Protein backbone atom coordinates (compact mmCIF):
# COMPACT_ATOMS: atom_id res chain seq x y z
CA MET A 1 -169.85 -27.34 -61.04
CA LEU A 2 -166.61 -26.25 -62.71
CA GLU A 3 -165.68 -27.95 -65.96
CA LEU A 4 -162.80 -30.41 -65.60
CA ASP A 5 -159.91 -29.39 -67.88
CA LEU A 6 -156.89 -31.71 -67.90
CA SER A 7 -155.87 -30.99 -71.50
CA GLU A 8 -152.43 -29.61 -70.57
CA GLN A 9 -151.61 -32.56 -68.31
CA ILE A 10 -152.75 -35.06 -70.95
CA ALA A 11 -150.74 -33.27 -73.65
CA ALA A 12 -147.66 -33.49 -71.41
CA LEU A 13 -148.27 -37.21 -70.85
CA ARG A 14 -148.66 -37.81 -74.60
CA SER A 15 -145.38 -36.01 -75.25
CA THR A 16 -143.59 -38.14 -72.66
CA PHE A 17 -145.24 -41.28 -74.03
CA SER A 18 -144.09 -40.40 -77.57
CA ASP A 19 -140.49 -40.13 -76.35
CA ILE A 20 -140.80 -43.46 -74.52
CA ARG A 21 -142.13 -45.22 -77.63
CA THR A 22 -139.18 -43.92 -79.63
CA VAL A 23 -136.63 -45.17 -77.09
CA VAL A 24 -138.35 -48.52 -76.58
CA ASP A 25 -138.61 -49.00 -80.39
CA VAL A 26 -142.08 -50.49 -80.56
CA GLU A 27 -141.63 -51.76 -84.10
CA GLY A 28 -138.39 -53.47 -83.13
CA LEU A 29 -140.17 -55.00 -80.14
CA LYS A 30 -142.90 -56.36 -82.42
CA ALA A 31 -140.24 -57.86 -84.69
CA GLN A 32 -138.61 -59.60 -81.71
CA ILE A 33 -142.01 -61.02 -80.67
CA ALA A 34 -142.63 -62.31 -84.18
CA ASP A 35 -139.22 -63.98 -84.28
CA LEU A 36 -139.63 -65.55 -80.82
CA SER A 37 -143.17 -66.68 -81.69
CA GLU A 38 -141.79 -68.44 -84.76
CA GLN A 39 -139.15 -70.16 -82.61
CA ALA A 40 -141.77 -71.14 -80.02
CA GLY A 41 -143.87 -72.73 -82.77
CA VAL A 42 -141.18 -75.17 -83.88
CA PRO A 43 -142.59 -78.71 -83.28
CA ASP A 44 -139.45 -80.16 -81.67
CA LEU A 45 -138.70 -77.09 -79.50
CA TRP A 46 -139.27 -78.96 -76.23
CA ASN A 47 -136.72 -81.60 -77.16
CA ASP A 48 -134.26 -79.12 -75.67
CA THR A 49 -135.94 -78.08 -72.40
CA GLU A 50 -133.48 -75.29 -71.54
CA LYS A 51 -133.75 -73.68 -74.97
CA ALA A 52 -137.54 -73.97 -74.89
CA GLN A 53 -137.75 -72.32 -71.47
CA ASN A 54 -135.46 -69.48 -72.62
CA VAL A 55 -137.50 -68.87 -75.77
CA THR A 56 -140.89 -68.97 -74.04
CA SER A 57 -139.65 -66.81 -71.15
CA ALA A 58 -138.20 -64.20 -73.52
CA LEU A 59 -141.41 -64.23 -75.57
CA SER A 60 -143.55 -63.75 -72.44
CA HIS A 61 -141.38 -60.83 -71.26
CA ARG A 62 -141.47 -59.09 -74.68
CA GLN A 63 -145.23 -59.56 -74.99
CA ALA A 64 -145.77 -58.11 -71.51
CA GLU A 65 -143.59 -55.10 -72.38
CA LEU A 66 -145.51 -54.46 -75.60
CA ALA A 67 -148.87 -54.95 -73.88
CA LYS A 68 -147.92 -52.33 -71.28
CA ILE A 69 -147.04 -49.82 -73.98
CA MET A 70 -150.21 -50.45 -75.96
CA SER A 71 -152.40 -50.29 -72.86
CA ILE A 72 -151.09 -46.81 -72.03
CA ASP A 73 -152.01 -45.60 -75.51
CA SER A 74 -155.53 -46.93 -75.02
CA ARG A 75 -155.82 -45.51 -71.48
CA LEU A 76 -154.87 -42.02 -72.67
CA ASP A 77 -157.66 -42.15 -75.27
CA ASP A 78 -160.13 -43.48 -72.70
CA LEU A 79 -159.18 -40.74 -70.23
CA GLU A 80 -160.08 -37.99 -72.70
CA ILE A 81 -163.45 -39.66 -73.33
CA MET A 82 -163.97 -40.04 -69.58
CA ILE A 83 -163.36 -36.31 -69.04
CA GLU A 84 -165.69 -35.37 -71.88
CA LEU A 85 -168.50 -37.52 -70.46
CA ALA A 86 -167.91 -36.19 -66.93
CA ASN A 87 -168.25 -32.61 -68.14
CA ASP A 88 -171.31 -33.34 -70.31
CA GLU A 89 -173.15 -35.03 -67.46
CA SER A 90 -171.70 -32.94 -64.59
CA ASP A 91 -170.87 -36.22 -62.88
CA GLU A 92 -168.72 -35.60 -59.78
CA GLU A 93 -167.98 -39.29 -59.36
CA ALA A 94 -166.69 -39.46 -62.94
CA VAL A 95 -164.52 -36.39 -62.29
CA VAL A 96 -162.90 -38.09 -59.29
CA GLU A 97 -162.37 -41.24 -61.36
CA ALA A 98 -160.76 -39.24 -64.18
CA GLN A 99 -158.39 -37.50 -61.79
CA ALA A 100 -157.41 -40.85 -60.24
CA GLU A 101 -156.72 -42.30 -63.69
CA LEU A 102 -154.58 -39.25 -64.57
CA SER A 103 -152.56 -39.81 -61.40
CA SER A 104 -152.16 -43.51 -62.18
CA LEU A 105 -151.03 -42.85 -65.75
CA THR A 106 -148.57 -40.20 -64.57
CA LYS A 107 -146.99 -42.74 -62.23
CA VAL A 108 -146.83 -45.52 -64.86
CA LEU A 109 -145.28 -43.19 -67.45
CA GLY A 110 -142.80 -41.94 -64.88
CA GLU A 111 -141.67 -45.51 -64.24
CA LEU A 112 -141.37 -46.22 -67.97
CA GLU A 113 -139.46 -42.99 -68.52
CA VAL A 114 -136.95 -44.03 -65.85
CA GLN A 115 -136.65 -47.44 -67.51
CA THR A 116 -135.53 -45.76 -70.73
CA LEU A 117 -132.46 -44.56 -68.79
CA LEU A 118 -131.46 -48.18 -68.22
CA ASN A 119 -129.13 -48.72 -71.14
CA GLY A 120 -126.31 -50.66 -69.47
CA GLU A 121 -125.12 -53.96 -70.92
CA TYR A 122 -126.84 -56.06 -68.27
CA ASP A 123 -129.70 -53.71 -67.32
CA PRO A 124 -132.42 -55.72 -69.15
CA ARG A 125 -131.58 -58.85 -67.13
CA ALA A 126 -133.36 -60.47 -64.19
CA ALA A 127 -131.65 -59.84 -60.84
CA VAL A 128 -130.08 -61.92 -58.09
CA VAL A 129 -130.26 -60.04 -54.78
CA THR A 130 -128.23 -60.98 -51.71
CA ILE A 131 -128.72 -59.32 -48.33
CA ARG A 132 -126.24 -59.76 -45.49
CA ALA A 133 -126.44 -58.59 -41.89
CA GLY A 134 -123.56 -56.29 -40.93
CA ALA A 135 -122.46 -54.61 -37.72
CA GLY A 136 -125.13 -54.36 -35.00
CA GLY A 137 -125.67 -57.86 -33.66
CA VAL A 138 -129.28 -59.06 -33.41
CA ASP A 139 -130.59 -55.72 -34.68
CA ALA A 140 -128.54 -56.10 -37.85
CA ALA A 141 -129.93 -59.60 -38.45
CA ASP A 142 -133.45 -58.30 -37.89
CA PHE A 143 -132.75 -55.35 -40.22
CA ALA A 144 -131.50 -57.72 -42.93
CA GLU A 145 -134.80 -59.62 -42.73
CA MET A 146 -136.75 -56.34 -42.91
CA LEU A 147 -134.88 -55.42 -46.09
CA MET A 148 -135.52 -58.85 -47.60
CA ARG A 149 -139.25 -58.47 -46.94
CA MET A 150 -139.13 -54.92 -48.38
CA TYR A 151 -137.71 -56.07 -51.71
CA LEU A 152 -139.96 -59.12 -51.93
CA ARG A 153 -142.99 -56.91 -51.23
CA TRP A 154 -141.83 -54.46 -53.91
CA ALA A 155 -141.53 -57.30 -56.41
CA GLU A 156 -144.96 -58.66 -55.44
CA GLN A 157 -146.57 -55.25 -55.90
CA HIS A 158 -145.10 -55.00 -59.38
CA GLY A 159 -146.04 -58.54 -60.34
CA HIS A 160 -142.41 -59.72 -60.58
CA PRO A 161 -141.89 -63.47 -59.93
CA THR A 162 -139.41 -64.20 -57.15
CA THR A 163 -137.55 -67.29 -55.99
CA VAL A 164 -135.77 -67.46 -52.64
CA LEU A 165 -132.63 -69.51 -53.24
CA ASP A 166 -131.08 -69.51 -49.81
CA THR A 167 -131.73 -68.15 -46.32
CA SER A 168 -129.30 -68.39 -43.40
CA TYR A 169 -131.22 -67.67 -40.20
CA ALA A 170 -129.64 -65.95 -37.21
CA GLU A 171 -129.85 -67.66 -33.82
CA GLU A 172 -132.00 -65.14 -31.95
CA ALA A 173 -133.92 -63.27 -34.67
CA GLY A 174 -133.65 -62.23 -38.30
CA ILE A 175 -131.27 -63.60 -40.89
CA LYS A 176 -127.53 -63.70 -41.41
CA SER A 177 -128.02 -63.63 -45.17
CA ALA A 178 -130.48 -64.41 -47.94
CA THR A 179 -130.32 -64.74 -51.71
CA PHE A 180 -133.29 -64.50 -54.07
CA GLU A 181 -134.01 -64.05 -57.77
CA ILE A 182 -136.37 -61.47 -59.24
CA ASP A 183 -137.25 -62.75 -62.69
CA SER A 184 -138.49 -59.75 -64.61
CA PRO A 185 -137.15 -57.63 -67.49
CA TYR A 186 -134.89 -54.81 -66.25
CA ALA A 187 -134.97 -56.10 -62.68
CA PHE A 188 -131.17 -55.81 -62.50
CA GLY A 189 -131.00 -52.34 -64.02
CA THR A 190 -133.79 -51.16 -61.75
CA LEU A 191 -132.50 -52.64 -58.49
CA SER A 192 -128.79 -52.17 -59.12
CA VAL A 193 -129.05 -48.69 -57.58
CA GLU A 194 -130.13 -50.38 -54.34
CA ALA A 195 -126.74 -52.06 -53.94
CA GLY A 196 -124.67 -50.78 -51.03
CA THR A 197 -124.72 -50.43 -47.26
CA HIS A 198 -128.04 -49.61 -45.60
CA ARG A 199 -128.25 -48.22 -42.05
CA LEU A 200 -131.04 -48.54 -39.48
CA VAL A 201 -131.41 -46.31 -36.42
CA ARG A 202 -134.13 -47.21 -33.89
CA MET A 203 -134.95 -47.98 -30.28
CA SER A 204 -133.86 -51.59 -30.20
CA PRO A 205 -136.57 -54.15 -29.35
CA PHE A 206 -133.74 -56.50 -28.37
CA ASN A 207 -132.19 -54.12 -25.83
CA SER A 208 -133.72 -54.35 -22.34
CA ALA A 209 -132.43 -50.85 -21.56
CA GLY A 210 -134.39 -49.47 -24.52
CA LYS A 211 -131.35 -47.71 -25.94
CA ARG A 212 -131.12 -46.39 -29.46
CA GLN A 213 -129.26 -48.84 -31.71
CA THR A 214 -127.56 -48.38 -35.08
CA SER A 215 -127.19 -51.41 -37.30
CA PHE A 216 -126.12 -52.12 -40.86
CA ALA A 217 -126.93 -54.51 -43.69
CA ALA A 218 -125.37 -54.93 -47.12
CA VAL A 219 -127.36 -55.34 -50.33
CA GLU A 220 -125.73 -56.92 -53.38
CA VAL A 221 -127.44 -57.00 -56.79
CA VAL A 222 -126.06 -58.96 -59.74
CA PRO A 223 -127.53 -59.73 -63.17
CA LEU A 224 -128.79 -63.24 -63.78
CA ILE A 225 -126.76 -64.76 -66.59
CA GLU A 226 -128.44 -66.15 -69.67
CA GLN A 227 -128.41 -69.92 -70.14
CA THR A 228 -126.64 -69.42 -73.48
CA GLU A 229 -123.71 -67.59 -71.91
CA VAL A 230 -120.64 -69.48 -70.85
CA VAL A 231 -118.79 -68.39 -67.75
CA GLU A 232 -116.15 -71.03 -67.35
CA VAL A 233 -115.81 -72.25 -63.77
CA PRO A 234 -113.31 -75.14 -63.68
CA GLU A 235 -114.10 -77.82 -61.12
CA SER A 236 -110.63 -77.28 -59.67
CA ASP A 237 -111.62 -73.70 -58.80
CA ILE A 238 -114.59 -74.63 -56.62
CA ARG A 239 -115.26 -76.51 -53.41
CA VAL A 240 -118.72 -78.01 -53.06
CA ASP A 241 -120.14 -78.75 -49.60
CA VAL A 242 -123.51 -80.37 -48.96
CA PHE A 243 -125.57 -79.97 -45.81
CA ARG A 244 -129.09 -80.35 -44.51
CA SER A 245 -131.57 -77.56 -45.28
CA SER A 246 -132.91 -75.83 -42.19
CA GLY A 247 -135.38 -73.22 -41.12
CA PRO A 248 -135.42 -70.60 -38.33
CA GLY A 249 -133.78 -71.73 -35.12
CA GLY A 250 -132.20 -74.72 -36.80
CA GLN A 251 -135.50 -76.47 -37.43
CA SER A 252 -135.00 -79.12 -40.10
CA VAL A 253 -137.08 -78.70 -43.23
CA ASN A 254 -135.46 -81.52 -45.15
CA THR A 255 -134.35 -84.95 -43.95
CA THR A 256 -131.64 -85.31 -46.62
CA ASP A 257 -128.36 -83.48 -47.22
CA SER A 258 -129.68 -81.67 -50.30
CA ALA A 259 -128.52 -78.09 -49.63
CA VAL A 260 -125.38 -77.05 -51.49
CA ARG A 261 -122.68 -74.50 -50.74
CA ILE A 262 -120.15 -73.65 -53.47
CA THR A 263 -116.95 -71.76 -52.66
CA HIS A 264 -115.04 -70.20 -55.55
CA LEU A 265 -111.47 -70.62 -54.39
CA PRO A 266 -109.74 -67.90 -56.50
CA THR A 267 -112.11 -65.12 -55.33
CA GLY A 268 -113.50 -66.46 -52.06
CA ILE A 269 -117.09 -65.98 -53.29
CA VAL A 270 -119.49 -68.32 -51.46
CA VAL A 271 -122.94 -69.24 -52.79
CA SER A 272 -125.55 -71.45 -51.14
CA CYS A 273 -128.84 -72.87 -52.34
CA GLN A 274 -131.35 -74.97 -50.40
CA ASN A 275 -134.62 -74.05 -52.10
CA GLU A 276 -134.76 -76.95 -54.57
CA LYS A 277 -135.73 -80.52 -53.60
CA SER A 278 -132.62 -82.32 -54.84
CA GLN A 279 -128.91 -81.84 -54.39
CA ILE A 280 -128.44 -81.75 -58.18
CA GLN A 281 -130.99 -78.96 -58.58
CA ASN A 282 -129.48 -76.95 -55.74
CA ARG A 283 -126.00 -77.36 -57.20
CA ALA A 284 -127.16 -76.12 -60.60
CA ALA A 285 -128.93 -73.12 -59.07
CA ALA A 286 -125.95 -72.23 -56.87
CA LEU A 287 -123.55 -72.53 -59.82
CA ARG A 288 -125.73 -70.20 -61.86
CA VAL A 289 -125.67 -67.56 -59.11
CA LEU A 290 -121.88 -67.98 -58.83
CA GLN A 291 -121.54 -67.43 -62.58
CA SER A 292 -123.68 -64.30 -62.29
CA ARG A 293 -121.43 -62.89 -59.58
CA LEU A 294 -118.29 -63.73 -61.53
CA LEU A 295 -119.79 -62.01 -64.58
CA LEU A 296 -120.38 -58.84 -62.60
CA LEU A 297 -116.95 -59.08 -60.97
CA GLN A 298 -115.38 -59.31 -64.42
CA ARG A 299 -117.23 -56.17 -65.53
CA GLU A 300 -116.20 -54.29 -62.38
CA GLN A 301 -112.57 -55.25 -62.93
CA GLU A 302 -112.74 -54.09 -66.54
CA ASN A 303 -114.24 -50.75 -65.48
CA ALA A 304 -111.57 -50.35 -62.77
CA THR A 305 -108.86 -50.95 -65.35
CA LYS A 306 -110.37 -48.32 -67.63
CA LYS A 307 -110.51 -45.79 -64.78
CA GLU A 308 -106.90 -46.56 -63.83
CA LEU A 309 -105.74 -46.04 -67.40
CA ALA A 310 -107.64 -42.76 -67.47
CA GLY A 311 -106.07 -41.70 -64.16
CA ASN A 312 -109.44 -41.23 -62.49
CA ILE A 313 -109.60 -43.33 -59.33
CA THR A 314 -111.90 -41.71 -56.76
CA ALA A 315 -114.26 -42.93 -54.07
CA SER A 316 -117.89 -42.45 -55.04
CA TRP A 317 -119.54 -42.14 -51.63
CA GLY A 318 -119.26 -43.27 -48.05
CA ASP A 319 -120.05 -46.61 -46.47
CA GLN A 320 -123.80 -46.09 -46.21
CA MET A 321 -126.03 -45.10 -49.10
CA ARG A 322 -129.34 -44.92 -47.22
CA SER A 323 -130.46 -44.35 -43.64
CA TYR A 324 -133.70 -45.66 -42.14
CA VAL A 325 -134.35 -43.64 -38.99
CA LEU A 326 -137.17 -44.76 -36.67
CA ALA A 327 -136.04 -42.82 -33.56
CA PRO A 328 -135.91 -40.06 -32.41
CA TYR A 329 -137.79 -39.07 -35.61
CA GLN A 330 -139.22 -40.95 -38.61
CA MET A 331 -137.41 -40.64 -41.91
CA VAL A 332 -135.78 -42.65 -44.69
CA LYS A 333 -133.16 -40.73 -46.66
CA ASP A 334 -130.90 -41.68 -49.56
CA LEU A 335 -127.55 -40.04 -48.93
CA ARG A 336 -126.59 -39.98 -52.63
CA THR A 337 -129.72 -38.36 -54.06
CA ASP A 338 -131.08 -36.61 -50.93
CA TYR A 339 -134.46 -38.17 -51.73
CA GLU A 340 -136.35 -38.74 -48.47
CA VAL A 341 -139.75 -39.74 -47.11
CA GLY A 342 -141.22 -39.41 -43.65
CA ASN A 343 -143.02 -42.75 -43.45
CA PRO A 344 -140.58 -45.66 -42.94
CA ALA A 345 -143.46 -48.12 -42.48
CA HIS A 346 -144.54 -47.63 -46.09
CA VAL A 347 -140.95 -47.98 -47.29
CA PHE A 348 -140.44 -51.26 -45.42
CA ASP A 349 -143.72 -52.45 -46.97
CA GLY A 350 -142.17 -52.15 -50.44
CA ASP A 351 -142.88 -48.53 -51.37
CA ILE A 352 -139.40 -47.80 -52.74
CA ASP A 353 -140.16 -46.65 -56.30
CA GLY A 354 -139.29 -43.05 -55.41
CA PHE A 355 -135.85 -44.08 -54.14
CA ILE A 356 -135.23 -46.27 -57.18
CA SER A 357 -136.24 -43.54 -59.67
CA ALA A 358 -134.11 -40.94 -57.90
CA GLY A 359 -131.19 -43.39 -57.82
CA ILE A 360 -131.41 -44.18 -61.54
CA ARG A 361 -131.57 -40.47 -62.46
CA TRP A 362 -128.64 -39.75 -60.11
CA ARG A 363 -126.55 -42.47 -61.72
CA LYS A 364 -127.41 -41.22 -65.22
CA ARG A 365 -126.29 -37.69 -64.31
CA LYS A 366 -122.99 -39.07 -62.98
CA GLN A 367 -122.42 -41.00 -66.20
CA ASP A 368 -123.14 -37.95 -68.32
């Protein structure tokens, strides 16, 4: 049996890990945890529920980030020991296990390396994702639901908590729109490259003639605002409508008018929430999403002003940023990065890390 030698690969991983530790600032992270732990230990902390939830949530996120960094350090040491034992005992099973661990560590470090490129003002925030069916009739509504499941599956696979705030079901199949939160550090920075128009090409299951159908869906990603931030939304600027929550096909899921729709009159932005049990809770959740969208809109307007002053107003790319082709061949391709895979089923099941990483690197190159 040949001796397993992964020394070069491990050395490369250690070099990458060293760079990541420097960017993440492990000592600074530990200092933040110590400060948040001190705040969390204050006896009367829970007298202010919102503040307590913010402190404990921030502490949990920082601790998870540090634990991930420290676990990689330990896994790299264990991998070297694993290889040494496999070679000493000529254990083929241990060799396979070591190679699998190397592959796993390479993937984890790749994801962390991409995260170090997320240095935007709102990148560390949780994300609010909204998906809307576009042109294409029933196929578009079905496609929108497929995308919703794709992102929720991605979040589930990464252990990111999600909350569906609102779902508007289409009459025949699929959804007209849906809004959900992904509450995890850097969820906004990570998923912001997914924003744009997505296109699906397939043999339509809703077309009796079996013709190929092209449909579209829009994905919007905004950062979730912090509770401490103030985005003033005067009551005179909004219209609040209440209605009864419903499920697919109009099936009632609530016997009271607890669902809330808020329309921001100056911008026309509409936000709905029907996930919570009471009208008050739904109103608060919808208002928070509205504030998040207004925050992002403000940033976009500021950036547009800067570009105008610099005399650099150009279109970035066309209407669609990614195509999902199921017929006559199988392929998903990002039209900005040219990253593509030949297994759409895996992509729709949440396997989108490759697209996200390529998108973040593409955006970084454009900024540089």
